[in-house]
Amino acid sequence: MKKIIEYAKEHGYETAEYQGVFKDSNVYIAVYNYDETNENLVGLPAFIFEKNDKLEWVQDGRSLEVLNHFYED
């Protein structure tokens, strides 16, 4: 998990939380610690895909697929 958190930090986030498995990859959501002094975040959520010890930053249309997979009604 340390490697995942370091990867999130490289992209300006504070940490990451495990979401589950999506299309044969472990998926983590990048977490930005928000407080009143920061600006509001706008845009797609950022996910980290982990497969075969390789990491991929996902913050595009695939983010919507991940959201639908883990958070659909």
Protein backbone atom coordinates (compact mmCIF):
# COMPACT_ATOMS: atom_id res chain seq x y z
CA MET A 1 0.00 0.00 0.00
CA LYS A 2 2.95 2.31 0.61
CA LYS A 3 3.74 2.31 -3.13
CA ILE A 4 0.14 3.28 -3.94
CA ILE A 5 0.15 6.18 -1.47
CA GLU A 6 3.49 7.44 -2.79
CA TYR A 7 2.06 7.34 -6.32
CA ALA A 8 -0.99 9.35 -5.20
CA LYS A 9 1.30 11.91 -3.55
CA GLU A 10 3.30 12.25 -6.78
CA HIS A 11 0.04 13.42 -8.38
CA GLY A 12 -0.77 15.95 -5.65
CA TYR A 13 -3.08 13.83 -3.50
CA GLU A 14 -2.64 12.93 0.16
CA THR A 15 -3.40 9.21 0.14
CA ALA A 16 -5.44 6.49 -1.56
CA GLU A 17 -8.12 4.03 -0.48
CA TYR A 18 -8.75 0.58 -1.86
CA GLN A 19 -12.01 0.27 -3.80
CA GLY A 20 -11.93 -3.29 -5.11
CA VAL A 21 -11.22 -5.13 -8.36
CA PHE A 22 -12.25 -3.75 -11.75
CA LYS A 23 -11.34 -5.46 -15.03
CA ASP A 24 -8.56 -7.54 -13.44
CA SER A 25 -6.94 -4.56 -11.72
CA ASN A 26 -6.91 -3.57 -8.08
CA VAL A 27 -8.44 -0.11 -7.93
CA TYR A 28 -7.68 2.65 -5.43
CA ILE A 29 -9.27 6.07 -5.30
CA ALA A 30 -6.91 8.98 -4.81
CA VAL A 31 -7.92 11.04 -1.79
CA TYR A 32 -7.33 14.75 -1.48
CA ASN A 33 -7.69 16.04 2.09
CA TYR A 34 -10.04 18.98 1.72
CA ASP A 35 -10.36 21.78 4.23
CA GLU A 36 -12.01 25.19 4.18
CA THR A 37 -8.86 26.97 3.00
CA ASN A 38 -8.57 24.91 -0.19
CA GLU A 39 -10.41 25.51 -3.42
CA ASN A 40 -13.23 23.19 -4.43
CA LEU A 41 -12.27 20.20 -6.52
CA VAL A 42 -13.94 19.97 -9.91
CA GLY A 43 -13.66 17.17 -12.42
CA LEU A 44 -13.46 13.43 -12.57
CA PRO A 45 -12.19 11.46 -9.60
CA ALA A 46 -8.72 10.02 -9.86
CA PHE A 47 -8.17 6.28 -9.60
CA ILE A 48 -5.02 4.21 -9.45
CA PHE A 49 -5.09 0.88 -11.22
CA GLU A 50 -2.62 -1.77 -10.04
CA LYS A 51 -2.00 -4.86 -12.14
CA ASN A 52 1.08 -7.09 -12.26
CA ASP A 53 2.91 -4.69 -9.94
CA LYS A 54 2.41 -1.79 -12.39
CA LEU A 55 0.49 1.38 -11.58
CA GLU A 56 -1.68 3.46 -13.90
CA TRP A 57 -3.21 6.84 -13.13
CA VAL A 58 -6.79 7.02 -14.40
CA GLN A 59 -8.60 10.35 -14.52
CA ASP A 60 -10.51 10.26 -17.77
CA GLY A 61 -13.67 8.66 -19.15
CA ARG A 62 -12.72 5.39 -17.52
CA SER A 63 -13.30 7.07 -14.17
CA LEU A 64 -17.01 7.07 -15.00
CA GLU A 65 -16.90 3.32 -15.66
CA VAL A 66 -15.24 2.76 -12.29
CA LEU A 67 -17.81 4.94 -10.55
CA ASN A 68 -20.63 3.00 -12.18
CA HIS A 69 -19.04 -0.31 -11.21
CA PHE A 70 -18.52 0.50 -7.52
CA TYR A 71 -21.23 3.06 -6.85
CA GLU A 72 -24.24 2.24 -9.00
CA ASP A 73 -27.65 2.22 -7.34
